[in-house]
């Protein structure tokens, strides 16, 4: 909203100021027109990327790389147009005309942030990154299938060099106050020393190059602060994992633990039918979205009315596809809940990847692994998967889907061990960018950390450092947002449980509309109006903190494993 308005016929003395208002209004409308054009271009690139991951012939990779490079260059050229800078200067000068929390103020603030970042990146670097990562993703997929890190290593070295160049170009923005914010979650304590040099911050602010990349995904987050948070989480999670492991061994001695229930035959067509039915029930609109198959599940919002999610099916197990669909549907609900009229502007975009991840983790773990959820859905699941579940009780099924056991694959990890997978990747990508870890040494460093943190060691590259697509796509700084998402999700769900009467009772009736409505009001509708930590505090009444996540894990698994 405008902070001031003037009469249609201003009195003497207001004419000059009224003229200024008209200039501000015209400048704002022109800024929106330009940003919306860039939003449409970005959605075009999104369609090409979705197509590349789902159905493009492998022989088209090189041509697709050129297409992506051209689009990236065009978007960058528009993003750094000097006219946008002129408009932003006019709007900054007229900032007193806007309410601080208004849509207009948010669009101007975030457009300035976007412009500052874009103008520091040469077009050649932007095109080189788009071209290289498009090709690298295909090489990664082939290398993963062959379990041959040597095939992917040259591409990783190219990408690390390009991302280092990008971070160097952006690092001065960290000192401008554009992205400074309160610590993201439980990071107000001092940074402890670590025996692991890749966890030890070189300065109180962390690593400037890494932080510049991280800031793209989680505005205001700093690697030094995250190091402290992750060390604290690690220190609390590892003893819990060990205690659960000892209890699991005891339970196996006392009775048969239902570990094989999820490993029976679950036909892919029935998996899809059941997953789509559940996703629709929690609110994912299939008239404005679709589900497809790909090697690495993802969600992409292409614009109003077009949100696409993907999964992969394994007929020898139930959990991967089902919980993967619920995870991506959570992302999709956020995309479908953003203000459609604000598409192409910051107010029509998600505020951060950590907040985005909080939506997927909330639905996947807090909701879809709960007893009340399956009170409603388990009888239906038994009907769909009669051969697999005819002799399984609800209690046995709940124990199986909430089983805790260290695994090598991040996407297969349970909610207790998952954050340890993220910490490992956070350490390694920081070390790669700093030059403390060479690409040649990545497989051995990966294996060493898995042995130390999870007590298991990869036997090949596919189940080791080739399992994630992120680095081939140039997504350095992305991984820590997964753990931030888990922290935010636990805090949001804890507050929603207080605000909504009998949430568990609603779940047992198959009614998820109350929770979705709460998230629409507290998170989705705000776009990028607030920084992530501000949004969480406004939604829950407290700044981001790790306590709700640790408390929820202990409460759930101490009961499940009789700790």
Protein backbone atom coordinates (compact mmCIF):
# COMPACT_ATOMS: atom_id res chain seq x y z
CA UNK A 1 0.00 0.00 0.00
CA UNK A 2 1.01 3.57 -0.62
CA UNK A 3 1.86 5.37 2.63
CA UNK A 4 0.33 8.62 1.32
CA UNK A 5 -2.24 9.64 -1.25
CA UNK A 6 -3.18 13.03 -2.72
CA UNK A 7 -6.44 14.50 -3.86
CA UNK A 8 -7.30 14.47 -7.53
CA UNK A 9 -6.92 18.28 -7.47
CA UNK A 10 -3.99 18.99 -5.11
CA UNK A 11 -3.90 22.38 -3.36
CA UNK A 12 -1.03 24.81 -3.89
CA UNK A 13 2.15 23.46 -2.28
CA UNK A 14 1.24 19.87 -3.01
CA UNK A 15 1.67 20.08 -6.77
CA UNK A 16 5.39 19.27 -6.73
CA UNK A 17 4.96 16.40 -4.30
CA UNK A 18 1.97 15.10 -6.27
CA UNK A 19 4.14 15.09 -9.40
CA UNK A 20 6.71 13.06 -7.52
CA UNK A 21 4.03 10.53 -6.57
CA UNK A 22 3.05 10.15 -10.24
CA UNK A 23 6.71 9.60 -11.18
CA UNK A 24 7.07 6.98 -8.44
CA UNK A 25 3.88 5.21 -9.51
CA UNK A 26 4.95 5.18 -13.17
CA UNK A 27 8.43 3.93 -12.26
CA UNK A 28 6.98 1.19 -10.12
CA UNK A 29 4.67 0.00 -12.89
CA UNK A 30 7.55 -0.04 -15.37
CA UNK A 31 9.69 -2.02 -12.92
CA UNK A 32 6.93 -4.61 -12.55
CA UNK A 33 6.52 -4.89 -16.31
CA UNK A 34 10.22 -5.56 -16.73
CA UNK A 35 10.47 -8.07 -13.88
CA UNK A 36 7.41 -9.94 -15.16
CA UNK A 37 9.03 -10.26 -18.59
CA UNK A 38 12.06 -11.80 -16.90
CA UNK A 39 9.72 -14.11 -14.99
CA UNK A 40 8.26 -15.37 -18.26
CA UNK A 41 11.75 -15.95 -19.69
CA UNK A 42 12.71 -17.83 -16.53
CA UNK A 43 9.64 -20.02 -16.85
CA UNK A 44 10.66 -20.83 -20.45
CA UNK A 45 14.04 -21.99 -19.16
CA UNK A 46 12.18 -23.97 -16.50
CA UNK A 47 10.19 -25.85 -19.13
CA UNK A 48 13.40 -26.74 -20.97
CA UNK A 49 15.00 -27.92 -17.74
CA UNK A 50 11.96 -30.01 -16.81
CA UNK A 51 11.94 -31.54 -20.30
CA UNK A 52 15.66 -32.28 -20.04
CA UNK A 53 15.18 -34.20 -16.79
CA UNK A 54 12.07 -36.13 -17.80
CA UNK A 55 11.83 -36.99 -21.50
CA UNK A 56 14.51 -35.34 -23.65
CA UNK A 57 16.59 -37.78 -25.77
CA UNK A 58 20.14 -38.03 -24.42
CA UNK A 59 21.52 -37.06 -27.83
CA UNK A 60 19.92 -33.65 -27.43
CA UNK A 61 22.14 -32.66 -24.50
CA UNK A 62 24.58 -30.49 -26.41
CA UNK A 63 21.84 -28.57 -28.22
CA UNK A 64 19.92 -28.15 -24.97
CA UNK A 65 23.06 -26.70 -23.41
CA UNK A 66 23.15 -24.05 -26.13
CA UNK A 67 19.44 -23.30 -25.65
CA UNK A 68 19.91 -22.89 -21.89
CA UNK A 69 22.99 -20.72 -22.38
CA UNK A 70 21.12 -18.41 -24.78
CA UNK A 71 18.17 -18.04 -22.42
CA UNK A 72 20.46 -17.45 -19.46
CA UNK A 73 22.23 -14.74 -21.41
CA UNK A 74 18.98 -13.08 -22.42
CA UNK A 75 17.67 -13.12 -18.85
CA UNK A 76 20.94 -11.75 -17.54
CA UNK A 77 20.97 -9.00 -20.18
CA UNK A 78 17.49 -7.90 -19.11
CA UNK A 79 18.34 -8.20 -15.42
CA UNK A 80 21.29 -5.79 -15.70
CA UNK A 81 19.60 -3.28 -18.02
CA UNK A 82 20.67 0.18 -16.77
CA UNK A 83 17.06 1.31 -16.96
CA UNK A 84 16.25 -1.01 -14.03
CA UNK A 85 18.97 0.70 -12.04
CA UNK A 86 17.45 4.09 -12.88
CA UNK A 87 14.00 2.93 -11.81
CA UNK A 88 15.31 1.53 -8.55
CA UNK A 89 17.10 4.82 -7.76
CA UNK A 90 13.87 6.73 -8.30
CA UNK A 91 11.95 4.29 -6.13
CA UNK A 92 14.58 4.36 -3.39
CA UNK A 93 14.35 8.14 -3.30
CA UNK A 94 10.60 7.82 -2.87
CA UNK A 95 10.73 5.05 -0.27
CA UNK A 96 8.82 7.19 2.26
CA UNK A 97 5.74 6.84 0.06
CA UNK A 98 5.47 3.11 0.84
CA UNK A 99 4.34 1.31 3.95
CA UNK A 100 7.34 -0.74 5.19
CA UNK A 101 5.53 -4.10 4.92
CA UNK A 102 3.66 -3.31 1.73
CA UNK A 103 3.76 -5.34 -1.47
CA UNK A 104 5.41 -2.38 -3.20
CA UNK A 105 8.17 -2.05 -0.59
CA UNK A 106 8.92 -5.77 -0.78
CA UNK A 107 9.08 -5.77 -4.58
CA UNK A 108 11.42 -2.78 -4.61
CA UNK A 109 13.70 -4.14 -1.86
CA UNK A 110 14.03 -7.57 -3.46
CA UNK A 111 14.35 -6.19 -6.99
CA UNK A 112 17.27 -4.11 -5.75
CA UNK A 113 18.83 -7.23 -4.26
CA UNK A 114 18.37 -9.08 -7.57
CA UNK A 115 19.83 -6.17 -9.54
CA UNK A 116 22.86 -5.85 -7.29
CA UNK A 117 23.64 -9.55 -7.73
CA UNK A 118 23.01 -9.62 -11.47
CA UNK A 119 25.11 -6.53 -12.28
CA UNK A 120 28.16 -8.12 -10.68
CA UNK A 121 28.08 -11.17 -12.94
CA UNK A 122 29.53 -10.94 -16.47
CA UNK A 123 27.26 -12.33 -19.16
CA UNK A 124 29.99 -14.72 -20.30
CA UNK A 125 30.16 -16.27 -16.82
CA UNK A 126 26.37 -16.66 -16.71
CA UNK A 127 26.34 -18.34 -20.14
CA UNK A 128 29.35 -20.55 -19.30
CA UNK A 129 27.65 -21.74 -16.13
CA UNK A 130 24.38 -22.53 -17.93
CA UNK A 131 26.14 -24.37 -20.75
CA UNK A 132 28.54 -26.28 -18.52
CA UNK A 133 25.97 -27.39 -15.95
CA UNK A 134 23.51 -28.47 -18.65
CA UNK A 135 26.16 -30.78 -20.12
CA UNK A 136 27.51 -31.79 -16.73
CA UNK A 137 24.13 -33.09 -15.56
CA UNK A 138 24.12 -35.59 -18.40
CA UNK A 139 27.68 -36.64 -17.64
CA UNK A 140 26.74 -37.00 -13.97
CA UNK A 141 23.78 -39.24 -14.86
CA UNK A 142 26.00 -41.46 -17.01
CA UNK A 143 28.80 -41.52 -14.43
CA UNK A 144 26.32 -42.41 -11.69
CA UNK A 145 24.94 -45.29 -13.74
CA UNK A 146 28.48 -46.55 -14.36
CA UNK A 147 29.54 -45.74 -10.78
CA UNK A 148 32.53 -43.97 -12.31
CA UNK A 149 33.55 -40.79 -10.52
CA UNK A 150 36.50 -40.43 -12.90
CA UNK A 151 34.06 -39.68 -15.72
CA UNK A 152 32.43 -36.84 -13.79
CA UNK A 153 35.51 -35.40 -12.07
CA UNK A 154 36.61 -33.05 -14.94
CA UNK A 155 33.13 -31.54 -14.99
CA UNK A 156 33.14 -31.01 -11.25
CA UNK A 157 36.49 -29.23 -11.51
CA UNK A 158 35.08 -26.90 -14.22
CA UNK A 159 31.99 -26.15 -12.15
CA UNK A 160 33.94 -25.48 -8.96
CA UNK A 161 36.13 -23.01 -10.84
CA UNK A 162 33.09 -21.24 -12.30
CA UNK A 163 31.28 -21.10 -8.95
CA UNK A 164 34.40 -19.75 -7.28
CA UNK A 165 34.46 -17.01 -9.91
CA UNK A 166 30.78 -16.30 -9.24
CA UNK A 167 31.33 -16.14 -5.47
CA UNK A 168 34.25 -13.75 -5.89
CA UNK A 169 32.10 -11.46 -8.03
CA UNK A 170 29.32 -11.40 -5.42
CA UNK A 171 31.17 -11.41 -2.11
CA UNK A 172 31.32 -7.64 -1.69
CA UNK A 173 27.51 -7.61 -1.39
CA UNK A 174 27.82 -9.39 1.95
CA UNK A 175 29.17 -6.16 3.44
CA UNK A 176 26.55 -3.84 1.96
CA UNK A 177 23.80 -4.81 4.38
CA UNK A 178 21.60 -5.97 1.53
CA UNK A 179 21.21 -9.48 2.94
CA UNK A 180 22.18 -9.09 6.57
CA UNK A 181 19.62 -10.69 8.84
CA UNK A 182 19.36 -12.32 12.22
CA UNK A 183 20.93 -15.81 12.48
CA UNK A 184 18.81 -18.42 10.72
CA UNK A 185 18.29 -20.90 13.53
CA UNK A 186 19.84 -21.47 16.93
CA UNK A 187 23.12 -19.85 15.93
CA UNK A 188 23.50 -17.07 18.45
CA UNK A 189 26.07 -19.07 20.41
CA UNK A 190 29.78 -18.76 19.70
CA UNK A 191 31.40 -20.90 17.04
CA UNK A 192 33.14 -23.89 18.63
CA UNK A 193 36.51 -25.13 17.52
CA UNK A 194 36.44 -28.37 15.60
CA UNK A 195 39.07 -30.99 14.92
CA UNK A 196 37.79 -30.99 11.35
CA UNK A 197 39.32 -27.96 9.54
CA UNK A 198 36.51 -27.94 6.95
CA UNK A 199 34.03 -27.19 9.75
CA UNK A 200 36.14 -24.43 11.30
CA UNK A 201 35.29 -20.98 10.06
CA UNK A 202 38.26 -18.87 8.95
CA UNK A 203 36.56 -15.67 10.10
CA UNK A 204 33.54 -15.03 12.33
CA UNK A 205 31.50 -14.42 9.16
CA UNK A 206 32.59 -17.69 7.53
CA UNK A 207 33.88 -18.04 3.98
CA UNK A 208 32.99 -15.01 1.83
CA UNK A 209 32.93 -16.91 -1.46
CA UNK A 210 30.76 -19.69 -0.06
CA UNK A 211 28.56 -17.21 1.79
CA UNK A 212 27.93 -15.26 -1.42
CA UNK A 213 26.60 -18.45 -3.04
CA UNK A 214 24.66 -19.52 0.06
CA UNK A 215 23.00 -16.10 0.21
CA UNK A 216 21.31 -16.80 -3.12
CA UNK A 217 19.38 -19.70 -1.60
CA UNK A 218 18.97 -18.59 2.03
CA UNK A 219 19.19 -14.80 2.29
CA UNK A 220 21.03 -13.74 5.43
CA UNK A 221 22.53 -17.14 6.24
CA UNK A 222 26.28 -17.34 6.88
CA UNK A 223 28.48 -20.43 6.85
CA UNK A 224 30.18 -19.58 10.14
CA UNK A 225 26.81 -19.46 11.88
CA UNK A 226 25.65 -22.65 10.18
CA UNK A 227 28.84 -24.41 11.28
CA UNK A 228 27.90 -23.72 14.90
CA UNK A 229 24.35 -24.89 14.34
CA UNK A 230 25.38 -28.06 12.54
CA UNK A 231 27.96 -28.95 15.17
CA UNK A 232 25.27 -28.60 17.83
CA UNK A 233 22.88 -30.78 15.84
CA UNK A 234 25.55 -33.37 15.20
CA UNK A 235 26.40 -33.57 18.89
CA UNK A 236 22.75 -34.25 19.74
CA UNK A 237 21.88 -36.53 16.83
CA UNK A 238 24.78 -38.97 16.93
CA UNK A 239 24.02 -40.17 20.52
CA UNK A 240 20.32 -40.48 19.61
CA UNK A 241 21.17 -42.57 16.53
CA UNK A 242 23.41 -44.82 18.61
CA UNK A 243 20.76 -45.25 21.31
CA UNK A 244 18.18 -46.16 18.68
CA UNK A 245 20.64 -48.62 17.12
CA UNK A 246 21.13 -50.39 20.44
CA UNK A 247 17.38 -50.48 21.06
CA UNK A 248 16.77 -51.80 17.55
CA UNK A 249 19.22 -54.64 18.15
CA UNK A 250 17.42 -55.46 21.39
CA UNK A 251 14.01 -55.43 19.71
CA UNK A 252 15.28 -57.75 16.98
CA UNK A 253 16.43 -60.19 19.64
CA UNK A 254 13.10 -60.02 21.48
CA UNK A 255 10.77 -60.19 18.46
CA UNK A 256 10.76 -59.94 14.70
CA UNK A 257 11.16 -56.27 13.75
CA UNK A 258 8.96 -55.43 10.72
CA UNK A 259 11.84 -54.38 8.50
CA UNK A 260 10.74 -56.32 5.41
CA UNK A 261 7.21 -54.91 5.12
CA UNK A 262 8.25 -52.09 2.80
CA UNK A 263 10.41 -54.39 0.66
CA UNK A 264 7.58 -56.46 -0.80
CA UNK A 265 6.14 -56.07 -4.29
CA UNK A 266 4.34 -52.77 -4.87
CA UNK A 267 3.35 -52.41 -8.56
CA UNK A 268 4.36 -49.04 -10.00
CA UNK A 269 0.91 -48.26 -11.43
CA UNK A 270 -0.69 -48.78 -8.02
CA UNK A 271 2.01 -46.72 -6.35
CA UNK A 272 1.23 -43.86 -8.68
CA UNK A 273 -2.53 -44.18 -8.15
CA UNK A 274 -2.21 -44.20 -4.36
CA UNK A 275 0.39 -41.39 -4.21
CA UNK A 276 -1.67 -39.12 -6.49
CA UNK A 277 -4.79 -39.79 -4.39
CA UNK A 278 -2.99 -38.84 -1.18
CA UNK A 279 -1.27 -35.80 -2.74
CA UNK A 280 -4.64 -34.53 -3.94
CA UNK A 281 -6.13 -35.04 -0.47
CA UNK A 282 -3.56 -32.76 1.19
CA UNK A 283 -4.35 -30.05 -1.36
CA UNK A 284 -2.09 -30.50 -4.41
CA UNK A 285 -4.19 -29.38 -7.37
CA UNK A 286 -3.66 -31.71 -10.34
CA UNK A 287 -5.63 -29.31 -12.55
CA UNK A 288 -2.72 -26.92 -11.97
CA UNK A 289 0.01 -29.52 -11.66
CA UNK A 290 1.24 -32.91 -12.81
CA UNK A 291 3.38 -35.85 -11.69
CA UNK A 292 6.07 -37.43 -13.89
CA UNK A 293 8.98 -39.85 -13.61
CA UNK A 294 12.64 -38.83 -13.50
CA UNK A 295 15.97 -40.08 -12.16
CA UNK A 296 16.12 -37.46 -9.42
CA UNK A 297 12.78 -36.26 -7.97
CA UNK A 298 12.13 -32.51 -7.99
CA UNK A 299 9.42 -29.86 -8.10
CA UNK A 300 9.37 -26.89 -10.43
CA UNK A 301 6.91 -24.02 -10.46
CA UNK A 302 6.64 -22.77 -14.03
CA UNK A 303 4.06 -20.11 -13.30
CA UNK A 304 0.40 -19.73 -12.35
CA UNK A 305 -1.45 -22.95 -13.14
CA UNK A 306 1.66 -25.01 -13.92
CA UNK A 307 3.49 -26.72 -11.04
CA UNK A 308 5.23 -30.00 -11.86
CA UNK A 309 6.52 -32.67 -9.52
CA UNK A 310 8.46 -35.85 -10.31
CA UNK A 311 9.31 -39.12 -8.62
CA UNK A 312 10.88 -42.50 -9.35
CA UNK A 313 9.30 -45.89 -8.71
CA UNK A 314 10.85 -49.08 -7.36
CA UNK A 315 8.40 -51.98 -7.39
CA UNK A 316 10.37 -53.76 -4.69
CA UNK A 317 9.68 -51.10 -2.08
CA UNK A 318 6.94 -48.71 -0.98
CA UNK A 319 8.60 -45.78 0.77
CA UNK A 320 10.81 -44.16 -1.85
CA UNK A 321 8.10 -43.12 -4.28
CA UNK A 322 5.29 -42.52 -1.77
CA UNK A 323 7.20 -40.28 0.61
CA UNK A 324 9.01 -38.73 -2.33
CA UNK A 325 5.68 -37.70 -3.87
CA UNK A 326 4.46 -36.28 -0.54
CA UNK A 327 7.76 -34.39 -0.22
CA UNK A 328 7.52 -32.87 -3.70
CA UNK A 329 3.79 -32.22 -3.26
CA UNK A 330 4.72 -30.15 -0.20
CA UNK A 331 6.96 -28.05 -2.44
CA UNK A 332 4.13 -27.92 -4.96
CA UNK A 333 1.63 -26.67 -2.39
CA UNK A 334 3.94 -23.74 -1.69
CA UNK A 335 4.25 -22.95 -5.39
CA UNK A 336 0.49 -23.21 -5.88
CA UNK A 337 -0.07 -21.03 -2.81
CA UNK A 338 2.05 -18.10 -3.97
CA UNK A 339 -0.01 -15.07 -5.11
CA UNK A 340 -0.75 -15.75 -8.79
CA UNK A 341 -1.28 -12.06 -9.56
CA UNK A 342 2.27 -11.34 -8.38
CA UNK A 343 3.93 -13.82 -10.76
CA UNK A 344 7.23 -12.51 -12.07
CA UNK A 345 7.74 -10.22 -9.09
CA UNK A 346 9.45 -10.97 -5.75
CA UNK A 347 6.07 -11.11 -4.00
CA UNK A 348 5.16 -14.04 -6.26
CA UNK A 349 8.29 -16.03 -5.39
CA UNK A 350 9.34 -18.26 -2.51
CA UNK A 351 11.49 -16.46 0.04
CA UNK A 352 14.19 -19.11 0.35
CA UNK A 353 15.02 -22.74 -0.22
CA UNK A 354 15.01 -23.37 3.53
CA UNK A 355 11.41 -22.16 3.79
CA UNK A 356 10.57 -24.17 0.65
CA UNK A 357 12.09 -27.27 2.21
CA UNK A 358 10.15 -26.68 5.41
CA UNK A 359 6.93 -27.15 3.46
CA UNK A 360 8.01 -30.45 1.91
CA UNK A 361 9.46 -31.83 5.15
CA UNK A 362 6.40 -30.83 7.16
CA UNK A 363 4.07 -32.84 4.92
CA UNK A 364 6.48 -35.72 4.37
CA UNK A 365 7.52 -36.28 8.00
CA UNK A 366 5.33 -34.45 10.51
CA UNK A 367 2.12 -35.40 8.69
CA UNK A 368 2.67 -38.45 6.47
CA UNK A 369 4.66 -40.48 9.02
CA UNK A 370 2.23 -39.84 11.86
CA UNK A 371 -0.24 -42.26 13.44
CA UNK A 372 -3.34 -40.10 12.85
CA UNK A 373 -2.50 -39.78 9.14
CA UNK A 374 -2.36 -43.56 8.74
CA UNK A 375 -5.45 -44.12 10.89
CA UNK A 376 -7.24 -42.79 7.83
CA UNK A 377 -5.00 -43.97 4.98
CA UNK A 378 -3.82 -47.44 6.06
CA UNK A 379 -7.14 -49.24 5.41
CA UNK A 380 -7.13 -47.70 1.93
CA UNK A 381 -3.48 -48.67 1.39
CA UNK A 382 -4.30 -52.27 2.32
CA UNK A 383 -6.99 -52.23 -0.35
CA UNK A 384 -4.64 -50.89 -3.03
CA UNK A 385 -1.70 -53.14 -2.09
CA UNK A 386 -3.58 -56.25 -1.01
CA UNK A 387 -0.80 -58.76 -1.64
CA UNK A 388 1.84 -56.73 0.17
CA UNK A 389 -0.15 -55.53 3.18
CA UNK A 390 -2.89 -58.11 3.80
CA UNK A 391 -1.08 -59.55 6.85
CA UNK A 392 0.31 -56.25 8.22
CA UNK A 393 -1.12 -54.38 11.21
CA UNK A 394 -1.21 -50.61 11.51
CA UNK A 395 1.34 -50.75 14.33
CA UNK A 396 3.74 -52.83 12.29
CA UNK A 397 3.37 -50.47 9.32
CA UNK A 398 4.04 -47.38 11.46
CA UNK A 399 7.14 -49.04 12.92
CA UNK A 400 8.38 -49.84 9.41
CA UNK A 401 7.91 -46.38 7.90
CA UNK A 402 9.56 -44.77 10.94
CA UNK A 403 12.46 -47.19 11.17
CA UNK A 404 15.81 -45.55 11.94
CA UNK A 405 18.87 -47.14 10.37
CA UNK A 406 21.98 -45.43 9.00
CA UNK A 407 22.04 -45.59 5.21
CA UNK A 408 24.35 -44.42 2.46
CA UNK A 409 21.79 -42.60 0.32
CA UNK A 410 20.56 -39.20 1.50
CA UNK A 411 17.16 -39.42 -0.18
CA UNK A 412 16.53 -42.79 1.49
CA UNK A 413 17.54 -41.56 4.95
CA UNK A 414 15.17 -41.54 7.91
CA UNK A 415 14.36 -38.25 9.63
CA UNK A 416 16.80 -38.88 12.50
CA UNK A 417 19.92 -39.53 10.41
CA UNK A 418 19.02 -37.26 7.47
CA UNK A 419 20.69 -34.13 8.79
CA UNK A 420 23.99 -35.96 9.20
CA UNK A 421 23.97 -36.52 5.43
CA UNK A 422 23.49 -32.78 4.93
CA UNK A 423 26.30 -31.87 7.32
CA UNK A 424 28.70 -34.07 5.36
CA UNK A 425 27.84 -32.32 2.09
CA UNK A 426 28.04 -28.89 3.70
CA UNK A 427 31.56 -29.63 4.95
CA UNK A 428 32.76 -31.01 1.63
CA UNK A 429 31.42 -28.31 -0.65
CA UNK A 430 32.91 -25.59 1.56
CA UNK A 431 36.26 -27.38 1.42
CA UNK A 432 36.03 -27.75 -2.38
CA UNK A 433 35.36 -24.05 -2.89
CA UNK A 434 38.12 -22.99 -0.48
CA UNK A 435 40.60 -25.28 -2.21
CA UNK A 436 41.19 -27.28 0.98
CA UNK A 437 39.86 -30.37 -0.80
CA UNK A 438 40.76 -31.25 -4.36
CA UNK A 439 38.21 -32.89 -6.64
CA UNK A 440 40.49 -35.94 -6.92
CA UNK A 441 40.20 -36.52 -3.16
CA UNK A 442 36.43 -36.18 -2.94
CA UNK A 443 35.52 -39.92 -2.92
CA UNK A 444 37.91 -40.74 -0.08
CA UNK A 445 36.86 -37.68 1.96
CA UNK A 446 33.23 -38.64 1.44
CA UNK A 447 33.81 -42.20 2.61
CA UNK A 448 35.78 -41.07 5.66
CA UNK A 449 32.99 -38.78 6.86
CA UNK A 450 30.32 -41.45 6.37
CA UNK A 451 32.37 -43.86 8.40
CA UNK A 452 32.87 -41.33 11.20
CA UNK A 453 29.33 -39.94 11.39
CA UNK A 454 27.10 -42.83 10.36
CA UNK A 455 29.31 -45.86 10.89
CA UNK A 456 28.95 -47.05 7.28
CA UNK A 457 31.22 -46.73 4.24
CA UNK A 458 30.25 -46.52 0.53
CA UNK A 459 31.40 -49.47 -1.55
CA UNK A 460 31.25 -47.56 -4.84
CA UNK A 461 30.91 -44.05 -6.26
CA UNK A 462 27.19 -44.36 -7.09
CA UNK A 463 26.30 -44.82 -3.43
CA UNK A 464 28.97 -42.30 -2.49
CA UNK A 465 29.78 -38.90 -3.95
CA UNK A 466 27.83 -39.40 -7.20
CA UNK A 467 24.42 -39.86 -5.59
CA UNK A 468 23.24 -36.21 -5.78
CA UNK A 469 22.60 -34.10 -8.86
CA UNK A 470 23.24 -30.78 -7.10
CA UNK A 471 26.92 -30.16 -7.82
CA UNK A 472 26.53 -31.09 -11.49
CA UNK A 473 23.82 -28.40 -11.64
CA UNK A 474 26.13 -25.86 -9.97
CA UNK A 475 24.05 -25.71 -6.79
CA UNK A 476 26.79 -24.96 -4.27
CA UNK A 477 25.32 -23.55 -1.07
CA UNK A 478 22.06 -25.42 -1.61
CA UNK A 479 22.58 -28.40 0.73
CA UNK A 480 22.41 -26.59 4.10
CA UNK A 481 18.92 -25.36 3.26
CA UNK A 482 17.69 -28.95 3.68
CA UNK A 483 18.54 -28.94 7.37
CA UNK A 484 17.24 -25.41 7.83
CA UNK A 485 14.02 -26.69 6.26
CA UNK A 486 13.80 -29.47 8.85
CA UNK A 487 14.28 -26.93 11.66
CA UNK A 488 11.67 -24.57 10.25
CA UNK A 489 9.21 -27.43 9.62
CA UNK A 490 9.35 -28.68 13.20
CA UNK A 491 8.84 -25.17 14.54
CA UNK A 492 5.93 -24.44 12.20
CA UNK A 493 4.20 -27.72 12.95
CA UNK A 494 4.61 -27.23 16.68
CA UNK A 495 2.92 -23.83 16.44
CA UNK A 496 0.19 -25.03 14.08
CA UNK A 497 -0.64 -27.81 16.55
CA UNK A 498 -1.25 -25.16 19.20
CA UNK A 499 -3.27 -22.87 16.95
CA UNK A 500 -5.50 -25.49 15.30
CA UNK A 501 -7.98 -27.39 17.44
CA UNK A 502 -7.60 -31.20 17.33
CA UNK A 503 -5.22 -31.41 14.37
CA UNK A 504 -4.75 -35.14 14.97
CA UNK A 505 -8.50 -35.66 14.91
CA UNK A 506 -8.74 -33.90 11.55
CA UNK A 507 -6.04 -36.19 10.13
CA UNK A 508 -7.87 -39.31 11.25
CA UNK A 509 -10.84 -38.06 9.20
CA UNK A 510 -8.64 -37.38 6.17
CA UNK A 511 -9.04 -33.62 6.55
CA UNK A 512 -5.84 -31.64 5.94
CA UNK A 513 -7.45 -28.36 4.93
CA UNK A 514 -6.92 -26.70 8.31
CA UNK A 515 -3.16 -27.17 8.24
CA UNK A 516 -2.90 -26.12 4.60
CA UNK A 517 -4.97 -23.00 5.30
CA UNK A 518 -2.71 -22.13 8.24
CA UNK A 519 0.37 -22.45 6.02
CA UNK A 520 -1.25 -20.43 3.25
CA UNK A 521 -1.91 -17.60 5.72
CA UNK A 522 1.38 -17.71 7.66
CA UNK A 523 3.87 -18.59 4.88
CA UNK A 524 2.67 -18.87 1.28
CA UNK A 525 0.91 -15.56 0.74
CA UNK A 526 3.88 -13.48 1.89
CA UNK A 527 6.19 -14.33 -1.03
CA UNK A 528 9.50 -12.56 -0.39
CA UNK A 529 8.00 -9.87 1.84
CA UNK A 530 10.18 -10.93 4.80
CA UNK A 531 13.56 -12.59 5.27
CA UNK A 532 13.34 -16.29 6.23
CA UNK A 533 14.06 -15.78 9.93
CA UNK A 534 11.58 -12.90 10.11
CA UNK A 535 8.91 -15.01 8.43
CA UNK A 536 9.39 -17.87 10.89
CA UNK A 537 9.23 -15.53 13.86
CA UNK A 538 6.05 -13.91 12.58
CA UNK A 539 4.50 -17.33 11.94
CA UNK A 540 5.43 -18.96 15.24
CA UNK A 541 6.04 -16.12 17.68
CA UNK A 542 9.68 -17.14 18.18
CA UNK A 543 12.87 -16.74 16.16
CA UNK A 544 14.14 -19.86 14.39
CA UNK A 545 15.54 -22.41 16.85
CA UNK A 546 16.61 -26.03 16.88
CA UNK A 547 14.70 -27.04 20.01
CA UNK A 548 11.40 -28.09 18.36
CA UNK A 549 13.17 -30.46 15.94
CA UNK A 550 15.25 -32.18 18.61
CA UNK A 551 12.23 -32.37 20.95
CA UNK A 552 9.98 -33.89 18.29
CA UNK A 553 12.57 -36.51 17.31
CA UNK A 554 13.22 -37.52 20.90
CA UNK A 555 9.54 -37.66 21.77
CA UNK A 556 8.64 -39.79 18.78
CA UNK A 557 11.55 -42.22 18.78
CA UNK A 558 11.94 -42.66 22.51
CA UNK A 559 8.38 -43.99 22.47
CA UNK A 560 8.77 -46.04 19.29
CA UNK A 561 12.02 -47.69 20.43
CA UNK A 562 11.24 -47.79 24.17
CA UNK A 563 14.42 -45.85 24.94
